[in-house]
Amino acid sequence: MLYEAFGKLHAIFPEMQVTEKFRKREFVLEIEDGNYPQHVKFQFTQDKCSALESFSKGDKVKLVFGLSGRESTNRDGNLVYYTNLSAWKLERIDEGGGSAPQQSRRTAAPQSAPASNNAAEDDDIPF
């Protein structure tokens, strides 16, 4: 599932080469949330790292991102959980034209319909 967030670029960090085959570039989006703005860190990975090149701190943007998580066992044998906010698309918001919502909202990811072998299930008629 994909999500959207609207806000202002608060920080943009340099690209990091994490392993020989993996690189990422992190940034912080300031999202208005009542009296207390939220500073949320996202990341672009691999070829998408260059998406931040045309943006600057302070730009108002719309972000499309994915949320993922995994569990792992650390060196001490304890179960730990990791969460990633993976950026997919970043767009500058035109400050002159209309106002965009300042809070994040969930949107469904585009998905293809599951294959069906039943002809009745493929019929769009509701009865």
N, C-alpha and C. Protein backbone atom coordinates (compact mmCIF):
# COMPACT_ATOMS: atom_id res chain seq x y z
N MET A 1 0.84 -1.17 0.00
CA MET A 1 0.00 0.00 0.00
C MET A 1 0.89 1.24 0.00
N LEU A 2 0.47 2.25 -0.73
CA LEU A 2 1.20 3.51 -0.78
C LEU A 2 0.46 4.57 0.02
N TYR A 3 1.20 5.55 0.51
CA TYR A 3 0.67 6.62 1.31
C TYR A 3 1.14 7.95 0.73
N GLU A 4 0.46 9.04 1.10
CA GLU A 4 0.87 10.38 0.70
C GLU A 4 1.08 11.22 1.93
N ALA A 5 2.02 12.15 1.85
CA ALA A 5 2.24 13.13 2.90
C ALA A 5 2.56 14.46 2.24
N PHE A 6 2.11 15.53 2.87
CA PHE A 6 2.37 16.88 2.39
C PHE A 6 3.13 17.61 3.49
N GLY A 7 4.15 18.37 3.10
CA GLY A 7 4.90 19.11 4.11
C GLY A 7 6.03 19.89 3.49
N LYS A 8 6.98 20.24 4.34
CA LYS A 8 8.12 21.05 3.95
C LYS A 8 9.39 20.25 4.20
N LEU A 9 10.33 20.30 3.24
CA LEU A 9 11.60 19.61 3.44
C LEU A 9 12.37 20.31 4.56
N HIS A 10 12.63 19.58 5.61
CA HIS A 10 13.30 20.12 6.79
C HIS A 10 14.81 19.87 6.74
N ALA A 11 15.22 18.72 6.20
CA ALA A 11 16.64 18.38 6.09
C ALA A 11 16.81 17.39 4.94
N ILE A 12 17.95 17.52 4.25
CA ILE A 12 18.31 16.58 3.18
C ILE A 12 19.74 16.14 3.46
N PHE A 13 19.94 14.84 3.58
CA PHE A 13 21.25 14.30 3.93
C PHE A 13 21.97 13.78 2.69
N PRO A 14 23.30 13.67 2.76
CA PRO A 14 24.06 13.14 1.63
C PRO A 14 23.75 11.67 1.40
N GLU A 15 23.99 11.24 0.18
CA GLU A 15 23.81 9.83 -0.16
C GLU A 15 24.80 8.98 0.62
N MET A 16 24.34 7.80 1.08
CA MET A 16 25.18 6.88 1.84
C MET A 16 25.30 5.56 1.09
N GLN A 17 26.51 5.06 0.94
CA GLN A 17 26.75 3.75 0.36
C GLN A 17 26.77 2.77 1.54
N VAL A 18 25.65 2.07 1.80
CA VAL A 18 25.51 1.21 2.97
C VAL A 18 26.31 -0.07 2.80
N THR A 19 26.17 -0.72 1.66
CA THR A 19 26.97 -1.90 1.32
C THR A 19 27.46 -1.71 -0.11
N GLU A 20 28.18 -2.68 -0.60
CA GLU A 20 28.68 -2.58 -1.98
C GLU A 20 27.55 -2.45 -3.00
N LYS A 21 26.39 -3.05 -2.67
CA LYS A 21 25.27 -3.06 -3.63
C LYS A 21 24.07 -2.23 -3.18
N PHE A 22 24.15 -1.56 -2.04
CA PHE A 22 22.98 -0.82 -1.54
C PHE A 22 23.36 0.59 -1.13
N ARG A 23 22.58 1.56 -1.65
CA ARG A 23 22.79 2.96 -1.25
C ARG A 23 21.45 3.60 -0.94
N LYS A 24 21.49 4.63 -0.10
CA LYS A 24 20.27 5.33 0.28
C LYS A 24 20.56 6.80 0.50
N ARG A 25 19.50 7.60 0.43
CA ARG A 25 19.59 9.02 0.73
C ARG A 25 18.37 9.39 1.56
N GLU A 26 18.63 9.88 2.76
CA GLU A 26 17.57 10.19 3.70
C GLU A 26 17.24 11.68 3.68
N PHE A 27 16.01 11.98 4.07
CA PHE A 27 15.57 13.37 4.21
C PHE A 27 14.47 13.42 5.27
N VAL A 28 14.25 14.60 5.80
CA VAL A 28 13.24 14.80 6.84
C VAL A 28 12.15 15.71 6.30
N LEU A 29 10.92 15.27 6.44
CA LEU A 29 9.76 16.04 6.03
C LEU A 29 9.07 16.58 7.28
N GLU A 30 8.85 17.89 7.31
CA GLU A 30 8.12 18.51 8.42
C GLU A 30 6.65 18.52 8.03
N ILE A 31 5.84 17.79 8.81
CA ILE A 31 4.41 17.65 8.54
C ILE A 31 3.65 18.36 9.64
N GLU A 32 2.79 19.31 9.25
CA GLU A 32 1.99 20.05 10.22
C GLU A 32 0.99 19.10 10.88
N ASP A 33 0.93 19.17 12.20
CA ASP A 33 0.02 18.33 12.97
C ASP A 33 -0.47 19.14 14.16
N GLY A 34 -1.40 20.06 13.89
CA GLY A 34 -1.90 20.92 14.96
C GLY A 34 -0.81 21.88 15.42
N ASN A 35 -0.62 21.97 16.73
CA ASN A 35 0.38 22.88 17.29
C ASN A 35 1.80 22.34 17.24
N TYR A 36 1.95 21.05 16.97
CA TYR A 36 3.26 20.42 17.04
C TYR A 36 3.62 19.76 15.71
N PRO A 37 4.45 20.41 14.91
CA PRO A 37 4.85 19.78 13.64
C PRO A 37 5.65 18.51 13.89
N GLN A 38 5.46 17.54 13.01
CA GLN A 38 6.17 16.27 13.10
C GLN A 38 7.33 16.29 12.12
N HIS A 39 8.50 15.81 12.55
CA HIS A 39 9.67 15.70 11.69
C HIS A 39 9.92 14.21 11.44
N VAL A 40 9.59 13.77 10.21
CA VAL A 40 9.60 12.35 9.90
C VAL A 40 10.70 12.08 8.85
N LYS A 41 11.54 11.08 9.14
CA LYS A 41 12.64 10.75 8.24
C LYS A 41 12.21 9.67 7.25
N PHE A 42 12.45 9.93 5.96
CA PHE A 42 12.17 9.01 4.87
C PHE A 42 13.48 8.71 4.15
N GLN A 43 13.44 7.74 3.24
CA GLN A 43 14.63 7.44 2.46
C GLN A 43 14.28 7.07 1.03
N PHE A 44 15.12 7.53 0.11
CA PHE A 44 15.13 7.03 -1.26
C PHE A 44 16.25 6.00 -1.31
N THR A 45 16.09 4.96 -2.12
CA THR A 45 17.13 3.94 -2.24
C THR A 45 17.52 3.74 -3.70
N GLN A 46 18.72 3.22 -3.88
CA GLN A 46 19.27 2.84 -5.17
C GLN A 46 19.16 3.98 -6.20
N ASP A 47 18.56 3.72 -7.35
CA ASP A 47 18.49 4.71 -8.43
C ASP A 47 17.61 5.91 -8.09
N LYS A 48 16.74 5.76 -7.11
CA LYS A 48 15.86 6.86 -6.74
C LYS A 48 16.56 7.93 -5.89
N CYS A 49 17.79 7.67 -5.44
CA CYS A 49 18.53 8.64 -4.62
C CYS A 49 18.66 9.99 -5.31
N SER A 50 18.75 9.99 -6.62
CA SER A 50 18.92 11.24 -7.37
C SER A 50 17.65 12.09 -7.40
N ALA A 51 16.52 11.56 -6.97
CA ALA A 51 15.26 12.31 -6.98
C ALA A 51 15.32 13.56 -6.13
N LEU A 52 16.22 13.62 -5.17
CA LEU A 52 16.32 14.79 -4.29
C LEU A 52 17.18 15.91 -4.87
N GLU A 53 17.86 15.66 -5.98
CA GLU A 53 18.81 16.63 -6.54
C GLU A 53 18.17 17.99 -6.85
N SER A 54 16.94 18.02 -7.30
CA SER A 54 16.31 19.28 -7.70
C SER A 54 15.54 19.95 -6.57
N PHE A 55 15.68 19.45 -5.34
CA PHE A 55 14.95 20.02 -4.20
C PHE A 55 15.91 20.66 -3.21
N SER A 56 15.37 21.60 -2.43
CA SER A 56 16.15 22.29 -1.42
C SER A 56 15.39 22.30 -0.10
N LYS A 57 16.12 22.47 0.97
CA LYS A 57 15.52 22.62 2.28
C LYS A 57 14.52 23.78 2.23
N GLY A 58 13.32 23.55 2.78
CA GLY A 58 12.28 24.56 2.78
C GLY A 58 11.25 24.42 1.69
N ASP A 59 11.52 23.59 0.67
CA ASP A 59 10.55 23.37 -0.41
C ASP A 59 9.31 22.68 0.15
N LYS A 60 8.13 23.13 -0.30
CA LYS A 60 6.88 22.46 0.06
C LYS A 60 6.65 21.37 -0.97
N VAL A 61 6.34 20.16 -0.47
CA VAL A 61 6.28 18.99 -1.35
C VAL A 61 5.12 18.06 -1.03
N LYS A 62 4.82 17.23 -2.02
CA LYS A 62 3.93 16.09 -1.85
C LYS A 62 4.81 14.86 -2.01
N LEU A 63 4.70 13.93 -1.08
CA LEU A 63 5.51 12.73 -1.08
C LEU A 63 4.60 11.50 -1.18
N VAL A 64 4.97 10.58 -2.06
CA VAL A 64 4.32 9.27 -2.12
C VAL A 64 5.35 8.28 -1.58
N PHE A 65 4.93 7.48 -0.59
CA PHE A 65 5.88 6.58 0.07
C PHE A 65 5.22 5.27 0.45
N GLY A 66 6.06 4.29 0.71
CA GLY A 66 5.62 2.98 1.18
C GLY A 66 6.09 2.74 2.59
N LEU A 67 5.38 1.96 3.30
CA LEU A 67 5.68 1.62 4.69
C LEU A 67 5.98 0.13 4.74
N SER A 68 7.14 -0.22 5.30
CA SER A 68 7.47 -1.63 5.42
C SER A 68 8.14 -1.90 6.76
N GLY A 69 8.10 -3.13 7.17
CA GLY A 69 8.70 -3.49 8.45
C GLY A 69 9.17 -4.94 8.41
N ARG A 70 10.06 -5.24 9.32
CA ARG A 70 10.55 -6.63 9.41
C ARG A 70 11.01 -6.89 10.84
N GLU A 71 11.08 -8.15 11.17
CA GLU A 71 11.63 -8.51 12.48
C GLU A 71 12.95 -9.24 12.28
N SER A 72 13.80 -9.15 13.29
CA SER A 72 15.11 -9.76 13.23
C SER A 72 15.55 -10.10 14.65
N THR A 73 16.53 -10.93 14.75
CA THR A 73 17.11 -11.25 16.05
C THR A 73 18.48 -10.58 16.13
N ASN A 74 18.70 -9.79 17.20
CA ASN A 74 19.99 -9.10 17.32
C ASN A 74 21.05 -10.04 17.89
N ARG A 75 22.25 -9.52 18.10
CA ARG A 75 23.38 -10.33 18.56
C ARG A 75 23.15 -10.95 19.93
N ASP A 76 22.31 -10.30 20.73
CA ASP A 76 22.02 -10.82 22.07
C ASP A 76 20.90 -11.85 22.07
N GLY A 77 20.35 -12.13 20.88
CA GLY A 77 19.28 -13.10 20.79
C GLY A 77 17.90 -12.51 21.02
N ASN A 78 17.81 -11.19 21.15
CA ASN A 78 16.52 -10.53 21.36
C ASN A 78 15.86 -10.20 20.03
N LEU A 79 14.54 -10.33 20.01
CA LEU A 79 13.77 -10.00 18.83
C LEU A 79 13.65 -8.49 18.72
N VAL A 80 13.98 -7.93 17.55
CA VAL A 80 13.86 -6.49 17.31
C VAL A 80 13.06 -6.27 16.04
N TYR A 81 12.45 -5.07 15.93
CA TYR A 81 11.62 -4.73 14.78
C TYR A 81 12.16 -3.48 14.12
N TYR A 82 12.13 -3.46 12.80
CA TYR A 82 12.59 -2.33 12.02
C TYR A 82 11.45 -1.83 11.14
N THR A 83 11.36 -0.52 10.99
CA THR A 83 10.36 0.11 10.13
C THR A 83 11.07 1.00 9.13
N ASN A 84 10.66 0.92 7.86
CA ASN A 84 11.22 1.77 6.81
C ASN A 84 10.11 2.58 6.16
N LEU A 85 10.38 3.86 5.95
CA LEU A 85 9.50 4.73 5.19
C LEU A 85 10.21 5.00 3.87
N SER A 86 9.87 4.24 2.85
CA SER A 86 10.57 4.28 1.58
C SER A 86 9.88 5.23 0.61
N ALA A 87 10.56 6.31 0.25
CA ALA A 87 10.02 7.30 -0.66
C ALA A 87 9.99 6.75 -2.08
N TRP A 88 8.90 7.04 -2.79
CA TRP A 88 8.75 6.60 -4.18
C TRP A 88 8.74 7.78 -5.13
N LYS A 89 8.07 8.87 -4.74
CA LYS A 89 7.90 10.01 -5.64
C LYS A 89 7.81 11.28 -4.81
N LEU A 90 8.49 12.32 -5.27
CA LEU A 90 8.49 13.61 -4.59
C LEU A 90 8.15 14.69 -5.61
N GLU A 91 7.14 15.51 -5.28
CA GLU A 91 6.71 16.58 -6.18
C GLU A 91 6.68 17.90 -5.42
N ARG A 92 7.14 18.95 -6.08
CA ARG A 92 7.07 20.29 -5.49
C ARG A 92 5.63 20.77 -5.56
N ILE A 93 5.14 21.40 -4.50
CA ILE A 93 3.79 21.95 -4.48
C ILE A 93 3.87 23.40 -4.93
N ASP A 94 3.03 23.76 -5.88
CA ASP A 94 2.97 25.14 -6.36
C ASP A 94 2.31 25.99 -5.29
N GLU A 95 3.07 26.89 -4.70
CA GLU A 95 2.55 27.72 -3.61
C GLU A 95 1.50 28.70 -4.09
N GLY A 96 1.48 29.03 -5.38
CA GLY A 96 0.51 29.99 -5.88
C GLY A 96 -0.85 29.39 -6.15
N GLY A 97 -0.91 28.11 -6.39
CA GLY A 97 -2.17 27.50 -6.78
C GLY A 97 -2.74 26.61 -5.71
N GLY A 98 -3.76 27.06 -5.03
CA GLY A 98 -4.47 26.24 -4.06
C GLY A 98 -3.61 25.72 -2.93
N SER A 99 -4.27 25.32 -1.89
CA SER A 99 -3.53 24.80 -0.74
C SER A 99 -3.72 23.30 -0.67
N ALA A 100 -2.66 22.62 -0.36
CA ALA A 100 -2.71 21.16 -0.21
C ALA A 100 -2.89 20.83 1.25
N PRO A 101 -3.50 19.70 1.56
CA PRO A 101 -3.63 19.30 2.96
C PRO A 101 -2.25 19.18 3.60
N GLN A 102 -2.14 19.54 4.85
CA GLN A 102 -0.86 19.53 5.53
C GLN A 102 -0.66 18.28 6.38
N GLN A 103 -1.54 17.33 6.28
CA GLN A 103 -1.37 16.10 7.05
C GLN A 103 -1.23 14.93 6.10
N SER A 104 -0.68 13.84 6.62
CA SER A 104 -0.52 12.67 5.76
C SER A 104 -1.85 11.96 5.64
N ARG A 105 -2.01 11.24 4.54
CA ARG A 105 -3.22 10.44 4.37
C ARG A 105 -2.87 9.18 3.62
N ARG A 106 -3.65 8.17 3.80
CA ARG A 106 -3.39 6.87 3.19
C ARG A 106 -4.13 6.79 1.87
N THR A 107 -3.45 6.25 0.86
CA THR A 107 -4.10 5.99 -0.41
C THR A 107 -3.74 4.56 -0.83
N ALA A 108 -4.63 3.95 -1.55
CA ALA A 108 -4.39 2.57 -1.98
C ALA A 108 -3.36 2.52 -3.07
N ALA A 109 -2.54 1.52 -3.02
CA ALA A 109 -1.53 1.31 -4.06
C ALA A 109 -2.20 0.74 -5.29
N PRO A 110 -1.72 1.10 -6.47
CA PRO A 110 -2.30 0.48 -7.66
C PRO A 110 -1.99 -1.01 -7.67
N GLN A 111 -3.01 -1.81 -7.87
CA GLN A 111 -2.83 -3.26 -7.87
C GLN A 111 -3.59 -3.84 -9.04
N SER A 112 -3.07 -4.90 -9.60
CA SER A 112 -3.79 -5.59 -10.66
C SER A 112 -4.80 -6.52 -10.01
N ALA A 113 -5.89 -6.77 -10.71
CA ALA A 113 -6.91 -7.67 -10.18
C ALA A 113 -6.38 -9.08 -10.16
N PRO A 114 -6.73 -9.85 -9.11
CA PRO A 114 -6.27 -11.23 -9.06
C PRO A 114 -6.89 -12.06 -10.18
N ALA A 115 -6.15 -13.01 -10.66
CA ALA A 115 -6.65 -13.89 -11.71
C ALA A 115 -7.75 -14.77 -11.15
N SER A 116 -8.74 -15.03 -11.94
CA SER A 116 -9.86 -15.85 -11.50
C SER A 116 -10.18 -16.88 -12.57
N ASN A 117 -10.47 -18.10 -12.14
CA ASN A 117 -10.84 -19.15 -13.07
C ASN A 117 -12.35 -19.30 -13.15
N ASN A 118 -13.08 -18.54 -12.36
CA ASN A 118 -14.52 -18.65 -12.30
C ASN A 118 -15.14 -17.54 -13.14
N ALA A 119 -15.88 -17.88 -14.20
CA ALA A 119 -16.47 -16.88 -15.10
C ALA A 119 -17.46 -16.00 -14.36
N ALA A 120 -18.18 -16.53 -13.36
CA ALA A 120 -19.15 -15.73 -12.61
C ALA A 120 -18.45 -14.63 -11.82
N GLU A 121 -17.26 -14.88 -11.32
CA GLU A 121 -16.53 -13.86 -10.57
C GLU A 121 -16.04 -12.75 -11.47
N ASP A 122 -15.83 -13.02 -12.75
CA ASP A 122 -15.31 -12.04 -13.69
C ASP A 122 -16.41 -11.10 -14.20
N ASP A 123 -17.66 -11.39 -13.90
CA ASP A 123 -18.79 -10.60 -14.37
C ASP A 123 -18.92 -9.34 -13.50
N ASP A 124 -19.00 -8.17 -14.12
CA ASP A 124 -19.13 -6.91 -13.38
C ASP A 124 -20.56 -6.60 -12.95
N ILE A 125 -21.53 -7.40 -13.35
CA ILE A 125 -22.93 -7.14 -13.00
C ILE A 125 -23.12 -7.46 -11.52
N PRO A 126 -23.72 -6.51 -10.75
CA PRO A 126 -23.82 -6.68 -9.31
C PRO A 126 -24.90 -7.66 -8.83
N PHE A 127 -25.58 -8.34 -9.72
CA PHE A 127 -26.61 -9.31 -9.29
C PHE A 127 -26.43 -10.64 -9.96
